[in-house]
C-alpha atoms as a PDB file:
ATOM      1  CA  MET A   1      73.372 130.202 130.920  1.00  0.00           C
ATOM      2  CA  PRO A   2      75.014 130.370 134.460  1.00  0.00           C
ATOM      3  CA  LYS A   3      76.944 133.442 135.239  1.00  0.00           C
ATOM      4  CA  SER A   4      79.811 134.239 137.574  1.00  0.00           C
ATOM      5  CA  ASP A   5      77.562 137.069 139.217  1.00  0.00           C
ATOM      6  CA  ILE A   6      76.235 136.927 142.908  1.00  0.00           C
ATOM      7  CA  TYR A   7      73.233 138.748 141.361  1.00  0.00           C
ATOM      8  CA  TYR A   8      72.251 136.721 138.406  1.00  0.00           C
ATOM      9  CA  ILE A   9      69.377 134.466 139.010  1.00  0.00           C
ATOM     10  CA  GLU A  10      70.158 131.337 136.897  1.00  0.00           C
ATOM     11  CA  VAL A  11      66.446 130.211 136.587  1.00  0.00           C
ATOM     12  CA  VAL A  12      65.335 133.449 135.125  1.00  0.00           C
ATOM     13  CA  GLY A  13      68.520 133.289 132.844  1.00  0.00           C
ATOM     14  CA  LYS A  14      67.295 129.981 131.566  1.00  0.00           C
ATOM     15  CA  ALA A  15      63.840 131.136 130.768  1.00  0.00           C
ATOM     16  CA  LEU A  16      65.095 134.273 129.025  1.00  0.00           C
ATOM     17  CA  ALA A  17      67.265 132.092 126.972  1.00  0.00           C
ATOM     18  CA  ILE A  18      64.390 129.743 125.973  1.00  0.00           C
ATOM     19  CA  MET A  19      62.698 133.079 124.938  1.00  0.00           C
ATOM     20  CA  ASP A  20      65.559 134.268 123.165  1.00  0.00           C
ATOM     21  CA  VAL A  21      65.493 131.129 120.783  1.00  0.00           C
ATOM     22  CA  PHE A  22      61.912 132.244 119.627  1.00  0.00           C
ATOM     23  CA  VAL A  23      63.326 135.674 118.625  1.00  0.00           C
ATOM     24  CA  GLU A  24      66.563 134.309 116.870  1.00  0.00           C
ATOM     25  CA  SER A  25      65.188 131.267 115.078  1.00  0.00           C
ATOM     26  CA  GLY A  26      62.474 133.253 113.127  1.00  0.00           C
ATOM     27  CA  LYS A  27      60.192 130.189 113.673  1.00  0.00           C
ATOM     28  CA  PRO A  28      56.825 130.559 114.916  1.00  0.00           C
ATOM     29  CA  ASN A  29      56.258 127.254 116.394  1.00  0.00           C
ATOM     30  CA  LEU A  30      59.588 125.290 118.441  1.00  0.00           C
ATOM     31  CA  SER A  31      59.302 121.770 120.083  1.00  0.00           C
ATOM     32  CA  LEU A  32      61.179 120.892 123.438  1.00  0.00           C
ATOM     33  CA  ARG A  33      63.824 119.045 121.571  1.00  0.00           C
ATOM     34  CA  ASP A  34      64.237 122.333 119.396  1.00  0.00           C
ATOM     35  CA  LEU A  35      64.789 124.370 122.514  1.00  0.00           C
ATOM     36  CA  ALA A  36      66.553 121.909 124.504  1.00  0.00           C
ATOM     37  CA  ARG A  37      69.125 121.709 121.365  1.00  0.00           C
ATOM     38  CA  ALA A  38      69.274 125.665 121.059  1.00  0.00           C
ATOM     39  CA  THR A  39      69.896 126.180 124.591  1.00  0.00           C
ATOM     40  CA  GLN A  40      72.052 123.180 125.459  1.00  0.00           C
ATOM     41  CA  LEU A  41      69.867 122.685 128.484  1.00  0.00           C
ATOM     42  CA  ASN A  42      68.421 119.443 129.952  1.00  0.00           C
ATOM     43  CA  LYS A  43      65.011 118.472 128.529  1.00  0.00           C
ATOM     44  CA  ASN A  44      63.622 118.137 131.860  1.00  0.00           C
ATOM     45  CA  THR A  45      64.688 121.669 132.948  1.00  0.00           C
ATOM     46  CA  VAL A  46      63.324 123.192 129.416  1.00  0.00           C
ATOM     47  CA  PHE A  47      60.166 121.377 129.967  1.00  0.00           C
ATOM     48  CA  ARG A  48      59.703 122.956 133.489  1.00  0.00           C
ATOM     49  CA  VAL A  49      60.622 126.489 132.286  1.00  0.00           C
ATOM     50  CA  LEU A  50      58.081 125.903 129.405  1.00  0.00           C
ATOM     51  CA  HIS A  51      55.328 124.751 131.390  1.00  0.00           C
ATOM     52  CA  THR A  52      55.627 127.620 133.667  1.00  0.00           C
ATOM     53  CA  LEU A  53      55.885 130.125 130.944  1.00  0.00           C
ATOM     54  CA  THR A  54      52.681 128.905 129.302  1.00  0.00           C
ATOM     55  CA  GLU A  55      50.900 128.978 132.717  1.00  0.00           C
ATOM     56  CA  HIS A  56      51.657 132.774 132.880  1.00  0.00           C
ATOM     57  CA  GLY A  57      50.659 133.200 129.220  1.00  0.00           C
ATOM     58  CA  TYR A  58      53.989 134.087 127.978  1.00  0.00           C
ATOM     59  CA  LEU A  59      53.753 130.800 125.445  1.00  0.00           C
ATOM     60  CA  ILE A  60      51.032 128.756 124.207  1.00  0.00           C
ATOM     61  CA  LYS A  61      51.311 124.935 123.661  1.00  0.00           C
ATOM     62  CA  HIS A  62      49.984 123.434 120.417  1.00  0.00           C
ATOM     63  CA  GLU A  63      50.489 119.592 120.320  1.00  0.00           C
ATOM     64  CA  HIS A  64      54.030 119.095 120.986  1.00  0.00           C
ATOM     65  CA  GLU A  65      55.079 122.488 119.892  1.00  0.00           C
ATOM     66  CA  TYR A  66      55.306 126.134 121.432  1.00  0.00           C
ATOM     67  CA  THR A  67      54.731 129.239 120.146  1.00  0.00           C
ATOM     68  CA  LEU A  68      54.709 133.002 121.808  1.00  0.00           C
ATOM     69  CA  GLY A  69      51.614 133.781 124.029  1.00  0.00           C
ATOM     70  CA  THR A  70      49.222 136.970 124.223  1.00  0.00           C
ATOM     71  CA  LYS A  71      50.811 137.835 127.538  1.00  0.00           C
ATOM     72  CA  LEU A  72      53.804 139.581 125.537  1.00  0.00           C
ATOM     73  CA  THR A  73      51.261 141.546 123.474  1.00  0.00           C
ATOM     74  CA  GLN A  74      49.461 142.717 126.680  1.00  0.00           C
ATOM     75  CA  LEU A  75      52.781 143.533 128.206  1.00  0.00           C
ATOM     76  CA  SER A  76      53.366 146.161 125.175  1.00  0.00           C
ATOM     77  CA  ASN A  77      50.054 147.652 125.158  1.00  0.00           C
ATOM     78  CA  GLY A  78      49.217 145.680 121.878  1.00  0.00           C
ATOM     79  CA  GLN A  79      52.033 147.186 120.021  1.00  0.00           C
ATOM     80  CA  PHE A  80      54.292 144.103 120.060  1.00  0.00           C
ATOM     81  CA  ARG A  81      53.838 141.626 117.103  1.00  0.00           C
ATOM     82  CA  HIS A  82      56.129 138.496 117.202  1.00  0.00           C
ATOM     83  CA  LYS A  83      57.392 137.161 113.887  1.00  0.00           C
ATOM     84  CA  GLY A  84      54.820 134.504 112.732  1.00  0.00           C
ATOM     85  CA  LEU A  85      51.222 134.138 113.324  1.00  0.00           C
ATOM     86  CA  LEU A  86      50.302 137.814 114.253  1.00  0.00           C
ATOM     87  CA  GLU A  87      52.598 139.203 111.769  1.00  0.00           C
ATOM     88  CA  VAL A  88      51.171 137.072 108.863  1.00  0.00           C
ATOM     89  CA  CYS A  89      47.714 137.364 110.019  1.00  0.00           C
ATOM     90  CA  GLY A  90      47.598 141.141 110.566  1.00  0.00           C
ATOM     91  CA  PRO A  91      47.081 142.475 106.808  1.00  0.00           C
ATOM     92  CA  PHE A  92      44.520 139.807 106.257  1.00  0.00           C
ATOM     93  CA  LEU A  93      42.649 140.880 109.518  1.00  0.00           C
ATOM     94  CA  ASP A  94      42.605 144.340 108.271  1.00  0.00           C
ATOM     95  CA  SER A  95      41.390 143.594 104.892  1.00  0.00           C
ATOM     96  CA  LEU A  96      38.365 141.730 106.170  1.00  0.00           C
ATOM     97  CA  ARG A  97      37.449 144.567 108.607  1.00  0.00           C
ATOM     98  CA  ASP A  98      37.686 146.873 105.684  1.00  0.00           C
ATOM     99  CA  THR A  99      35.746 144.815 103.246  1.00  0.00           C
ATOM    100  CA  PHE A 100      32.950 144.066 105.751  1.00  0.00           C
ATOM    101  CA  ARG A 101      33.306 146.776 108.207  1.00  0.00           C
ATOM    102  CA  GLU A 102      32.811 144.096 111.113  1.00  0.00           C
ATOM    103  CA  THR A 103      34.896 143.252 113.749  1.00  0.00           C
ATOM    104  CA  VAL A 104      37.465 140.559 113.040  1.00  0.00           C
ATOM    105  CA  ASN A 105      38.975 138.562 115.621  1.00  0.00           C
ATOM    106  CA  LEU A 106      42.075 136.082 115.796  1.00  0.00           C
ATOM    107  CA  GLY A 107      41.884 133.580 118.674  1.00  0.00           C
ATOM    108  CA  VAL A 108      44.193 130.873 119.981  1.00  0.00           C
ATOM    109  CA  LEU A 109      43.483 128.071 122.543  1.00  0.00           C
ATOM    110  CA  GLU A 110      44.800 128.589 125.879  1.00  0.00           C
ATOM    111  CA  GLY A 111      43.761 127.370 129.211  1.00  0.00           C
ATOM    112  CA  GLY A 112      40.644 125.292 127.714  1.00  0.00           C
ATOM    113  CA  GLN A 113      39.422 128.865 126.309  1.00  0.00           C
ATOM    114  CA  ILE A 114      39.762 130.806 123.193  1.00  0.00           C
ATOM    115  CA  ARG A 115      42.009 133.648 124.013  1.00  0.00           C
ATOM    116  CA  TYR A 116      41.845 136.858 121.622  1.00  0.00           C
ATOM    117  CA  ALA A 117      45.163 137.589 120.135  1.00  0.00           C
ATOM    118  CA  ASP A 118      44.231 140.016 118.149  1.00  0.00           C
ATOM    119  CA  VAL A 119      41.151 142.443 117.222  1.00  0.00           C
ATOM    120  CA  ARG A 120      40.245 144.621 114.319  1.00  0.00           C
ATOM    121  CA  GLU A 121      37.127 146.369 115.598  1.00  0.00           C
ATOM    122  CA  SER A 122      34.364 147.753 113.028  1.00  0.00           C
ATOM    123  CA  PRO A 123      34.312 151.302 112.090  1.00  0.00           C
ATOM    124  CA  HIS A 124      30.645 151.505 113.251  1.00  0.00           C
ATOM    125  CA  ARG A 125      29.432 153.112 116.384  1.00  0.00           C
ATOM    126  CA  PHE A 126      27.409 150.311 117.283  1.00  0.00           C
ATOM    127  CA  ARG A 127      29.462 147.160 117.120  1.00  0.00           C
ATOM    128  CA  LEU A 128      30.898 143.989 118.756  1.00  0.00           C
ATOM    129  CA  ALA A 129      34.308 144.289 120.142  1.00  0.00           C
ATOM    130  CA  GLU A 130      36.626 141.797 122.116  1.00  0.00           C
ATOM    131  CA  ARG A 131      39.762 142.826 124.159  1.00  0.00           C
ATOM    132  CA  VAL A 132      42.892 141.677 123.044  1.00  0.00           C
ATOM    133  CA  GLY A 133      44.242 139.181 125.915  1.00  0.00           C
ATOM    134  CA  GLY A 134      40.567 138.514 126.604  1.00  0.00           C
ATOM    135  CA  SER A 135      38.951 134.991 126.539  1.00  0.00           C
ATOM    136  CA  ASP A 136      35.717 133.533 125.906  1.00  0.00           C
ATOM    137  CA  HIS A 137      34.072 129.942 125.678  1.00  0.00           C
ATOM    138  CA  LEU A 138      34.848 127.082 123.370  1.00  0.00           C
ATOM    139  CA  HIS A 139      31.233 125.875 122.820  1.00  0.00           C
ATOM    140  CA  CYS A 140      29.346 129.063 122.025  1.00  0.00           C
ATOM    141  CA  THR A 141      31.791 130.955 119.623  1.00  0.00           C
ATOM    142  CA  ALA A 142      32.618 130.651 116.262  1.00  0.00           C
ATOM    143  CA  LEU A 143      36.091 130.596 117.306  1.00  0.00           C
ATOM    144  CA  GLY A 144      35.860 128.065 119.590  1.00  0.00           C
ATOM    145  CA  LYS A 145      33.636 125.650 117.376  1.00  0.00           C
ATOM    146  CA  ALA A 146      36.139 126.253 114.616  1.00  0.00           C
ATOM    147  CA  TRP A 147      38.754 124.973 116.678  1.00  0.00           C
ATOM    148  CA  LEU A 148      37.060 122.148 118.463  1.00  0.00           C
ATOM    149  CA  ALA A 149      35.800 120.823 115.216  1.00  0.00           C
ATOM    150  CA  HIS A 150      39.303 120.007 114.174  1.00  0.00           C
ATOM    151  CA  LEU A 151      40.333 118.185 117.183  1.00  0.00           C
ATOM    152  CA  PRO A 152      39.838 114.499 117.920  1.00  0.00           C
ATOM    153  CA  PHE A 153      36.321 114.337 119.445  1.00  0.00           C
ATOM    154  CA  GLU A 154      37.837 112.837 122.739  1.00  0.00           C
ATOM    155  CA  LYS A 155      39.945 115.748 123.141  1.00  0.00           C
ATOM    156  CA  ALA A 156      37.267 117.998 122.316  1.00  0.00           C
ATOM    157  CA  ARG A 157      34.915 116.289 124.915  1.00  0.00           C
ATOM    158  CA  GLN A 158      37.719 116.552 127.594  1.00  0.00           C
ATOM    159  CA  LEU A 159      37.956 120.293 126.831  1.00  0.00           C
ATOM    160  CA  LEU A 160      34.225 120.838 126.971  1.00  0.00           C
ATOM    161  CA  LYS A 161      33.739 118.729 130.199  1.00  0.00           C
ATOM    162  CA  GLN A 162      36.742 120.701 131.742  1.00  0.00           C
ATOM    163  CA  GLN A 163      35.400 124.189 130.870  1.00  0.00           C
ATOM    164  CA  GLY A 164      31.650 123.321 131.078  1.00  0.00           C
ATOM    165  CA  MET A 165      28.883 124.248 128.720  1.00  0.00           C
ATOM    166  CA  PRO A 166      27.016 127.108 130.285  1.00  0.00           C
ATOM    167  CA  LYS A 167      23.897 128.588 128.881  1.00  0.00           C
ATOM    168  CA  GLN A 168      24.549 131.929 127.664  1.00  0.00           C
ATOM    169  CA  THR A 169      21.156 132.384 125.547  1.00  0.00           C
ATOM    170  CA  HIS A 170      18.349 130.152 124.464  1.00  0.00           C
ATOM    171  CA  ARG A 171      20.225 129.333 121.485  1.00  0.00           C
ATOM    172  CA  THR A 172      23.386 128.068 123.382  1.00  0.00           C
ATOM    173  CA  ILE A 173      24.363 124.318 122.728  1.00  0.00           C
ATOM    174  CA  THR A 174      24.592 122.982 126.203  1.00  0.00           C
ATOM    175  CA  THR A 175      25.080 119.246 125.691  1.00  0.00           C
ATOM    176  CA  LEU A 176      27.761 116.901 124.198  1.00  0.00           C
ATOM    177  CA  ASN A 177      25.679 114.718 122.015  1.00  0.00           C
ATOM    178  CA  ALA A 178      24.187 118.032 120.273  1.00  0.00           C
ATOM    179  CA  MET A 179      27.747 119.491 120.175  1.00  0.00           C
ATOM    180  CA  LYS A 180      29.190 116.433 118.251  1.00  0.00           C
ATOM    181  CA  VAL A 181      26.492 116.850 115.454  1.00  0.00           C
ATOM    182  CA  GLU A 182      27.276 120.576 115.501  1.00  0.00           C
ATOM    183  CA  LEU A 183      31.155 119.890 115.052  1.00  0.00           C
ATOM    184  CA  GLU A 184      30.747 117.360 112.260  1.00  0.00           C
ATOM    185  CA  ARG A 185      28.529 120.116 110.590  1.00  0.00           C
ATOM    186  CA  VAL A 186      31.544 122.636 111.007  1.00  0.00           C
ATOM    187  CA  ARG A 187      33.915 120.286 109.867  1.00  0.00           C
ATOM    188  CA  SER A 188      31.821 119.563 106.898  1.00  0.00           C
ATOM    189  CA  HIS A 189      31.379 123.180 105.707  1.00  0.00           C
ATOM    190  CA  GLY A 190      34.515 124.304 106.818  1.00  0.00           C
ATOM    191  CA  TYR A 191      33.532 127.168 109.152  1.00  0.00           C
ATOM    192  CA  ALA A 192      31.483 127.802 112.350  1.00  0.00           C
ATOM    193  CA  GLU A 193      28.513 129.809 113.162  1.00  0.00           C
ATOM    194  CA  ASP A 194      27.782 131.698 116.473  1.00  0.00           C
ATOM    195  CA  ASP A 195      24.212 132.932 115.484  1.00  0.00           C
ATOM    196  CA  GLU A 196      23.296 134.448 118.869  1.00  0.00           C
ATOM    197  CA  GLU A 197      24.649 131.557 120.740  1.00  0.00           C
ATOM    198  CA  SER A 198      27.016 133.713 123.151  1.00  0.00           C
ATOM    199  CA  MET A 199      25.261 136.931 123.135  1.00  0.00           C
ATOM    200  CA  ALA A 200      21.431 137.695 122.025  1.00  0.00           C
ATOM    201  CA  GLY A 201      21.650 139.936 118.997  1.00  0.00           C
ATOM    202  CA  ALA A 202      25.076 139.010 117.578  1.00  0.00           C
ATOM    203  CA  TYR A 203      26.105 136.842 114.612  1.00  0.00           C
ATOM    204  CA  CYS A 204      29.892 135.609 113.937  1.00  0.00           C
ATOM    205  CA  VAL A 205      31.351 133.398 111.463  1.00  0.00           C
ATOM    206  CA  GLY A 206      34.675 131.620 112.157  1.00  0.00           C
ATOM    207  CA  ALA A 207      37.192 129.176 110.545  1.00  0.00           C
ATOM    208  CA  PRO A 208      40.485 127.816 111.677  1.00  0.00           C
ATOM    209  CA  VAL A 209      44.037 128.115 110.599  1.00  0.00           C
ATOM    210  CA  LEU A 210      45.202 124.673 110.052  1.00  0.00           C
ATOM    211  CA  ASP A 211      48.923 123.364 110.210  1.00  0.00           C
ATOM    212  CA  SER A 212      50.227 120.997 107.788  1.00  0.00           C
ATOM    213  CA  GLY A 213      49.152 118.083 109.630  1.00  0.00           C
ATOM    214  CA  GLY A 214      45.569 119.399 110.194  1.00  0.00           C
ATOM    215  CA  THR A 215      45.820 120.934 113.768  1.00  0.00           C
ATOM    216  CA  PRO A 216      44.365 124.164 114.465  1.00  0.00           C
ATOM    217  CA  VAL A 217      46.851 126.623 115.369  1.00  0.00           C
ATOM    218  CA  ALA A 218      44.508 129.729 115.234  1.00  0.00           C
ATOM    219  CA  ALA A 219      40.814 130.665 114.359  1.00  0.00           C
ATOM    220  CA  ILE A 220      39.621 133.912 112.873  1.00  0.00           C
ATOM    221  CA  SER A 221      36.181 135.340 112.833  1.00  0.00           C
ATOM    222  CA  ILE A 222      34.048 137.944 111.634  1.00  0.00           C
ATOM    223  CA  SER A 223      31.388 139.248 113.971  1.00  0.00           C
ATOM    224  CA  GLY A 224      28.565 141.996 114.122  1.00  0.00           C
ATOM    225  CA  PRO A 225      25.061 142.763 115.163  1.00  0.00           C
ATOM    226  CA  ILE A 226      22.123 140.846 113.550  1.00  0.00           C
ATOM    227  CA  THR A 227      20.681 143.891 112.458  1.00  0.00           C
ATOM    228  CA  ARG A 228      23.782 144.483 109.917  1.00  0.00           C
ATOM    229  CA  PHE A 229      25.398 140.808 109.910  1.00  0.00           C
ATOM    230  CA  HIS A 230      23.554 137.531 109.797  1.00  0.00           C
ATOM    231  CA  ARG A 231      23.278 134.209 108.155  1.00  0.00           C
ATOM    232  CA  GLY A 232      21.285 135.735 105.181  1.00  0.00           C
ATOM    233  CA  ARG A 233      24.149 138.295 104.587  1.00  0.00           C
ATOM    234  CA  ALA A 234      27.094 135.890 105.534  1.00  0.00           C
ATOM    235  CA  GLY A 235      27.718 134.203 102.244  1.00  0.00           C
ATOM    236  CA  HIS A 236      30.295 136.714 100.728  1.00  0.00           C
ATOM    237  CA  ALA A 237      32.279 137.188 104.163  1.00  0.00           C
ATOM    238  CA  ILE A 238      32.461 133.265 104.536  1.00  0.00           C
ATOM    239  CA  ALA A 239      33.905 133.011 101.343  1.00  0.00           C
ATOM    240  CA  GLU A 240      36.458 135.955 101.934  1.00  0.00           C
ATOM    241  CA  LEU A 241      37.441 134.478 105.237  1.00  0.00           C
ATOM    242  CA  LEU A 242      38.315 131.022 103.931  1.00  0.00           C
ATOM    243  CA  ASP A 243      40.136 132.670 101.097  1.00  0.00           C
ATOM    244  CA  ALA A 244      42.147 134.607 103.633  1.00  0.00           C
ATOM    245  CA  ILE A 245      43.038 131.710 105.600  1.00  0.00           C
ATOM    246  CA  ALA A 246      43.914 129.733 102.739  1.00  0.00           C
ATOM    247  CA  ALA A 247      46.482 132.632 101.847  1.00  0.00           C
ATOM    248  CA  ILE A 248      47.776 132.491 105.375  1.00  0.00           C
ATOM    249  CA  ARG A 249      48.383 128.812 105.457  1.00  0.00           C
ATOM    250  CA  VAL A 250      50.574 129.307 102.290  1.00  0.00           C
ATOM    251  CA  GLU A 251      52.437 132.458 104.008  1.00  0.00           C
ATOM    252  CA  MET A 252      52.900 130.255 107.322  1.00  0.00           C
ATOM    253  CA  GLY A 253      54.379 127.359 105.419  1.00  0.00           C
ATOM    254  CA  TYR A 254      51.462 124.912 106.015  1.00  0.00           C
ATOM    255  CA  ALA A 255      50.097 124.667 102.372  1.00  0.00           C
ATOM    256  CA  ARG A 256      51.249 125.138  98.856  1.00  0.00           C
ATOM    257  CA  ARG A 257      50.479 128.166  96.823  1.00  0.00           C
ATOM    258  CA  ARG A 258      47.539 127.514  94.795  1.00  0.00           C
END
């Protein structure tokens, strides 16, 4: 809000007022209308501030709503957990990691790629590990395919064309036609696999966290080296992963308690 202070930067104040709404509301997702109403700012002004914050990673846009982004996590060396997605998912990520002793990842769609919002590393010395705040391709990761499978294919196609489908291994899917078939399989089964598609010697299973309208807000995966973790051994992990996601959706208010 405008201040009678020659040192006060009004546009920065507006951005901070918008960020304050996320803290004070206690809601993980807010729309442009919600934020304009709460800050009493012009919608056009709010939209421009939201766009800027999203471009810098402080917010993530999901359809017509915004949630806090991974940049805040990076600023506080991974210690910050906003009330919402990260807070709810944390115990489930821990449980999956402890049960299967493989790395568990929480990813969100950002900038046309999967951004790692949280990671629970395997206790094994030989393990797969991603960096919080790091990003990866959509077309060859379990997180990415789990997300793409629950978007209208036209939107998925646009994302894939925008980022490209580079060949990472001899198993990587690199054509839109083959990817369409794969995404139909993912949607039918409820989970995605990365069977040495992004990295030779690595296997990963992932599934999306869907909001009440069926739109992904996050995806969770379990990954490990194929010497320990592979399709033949993944059945229990897949079942536990899907159960964890079902419980997360209940806690996030996206589904009724079973």
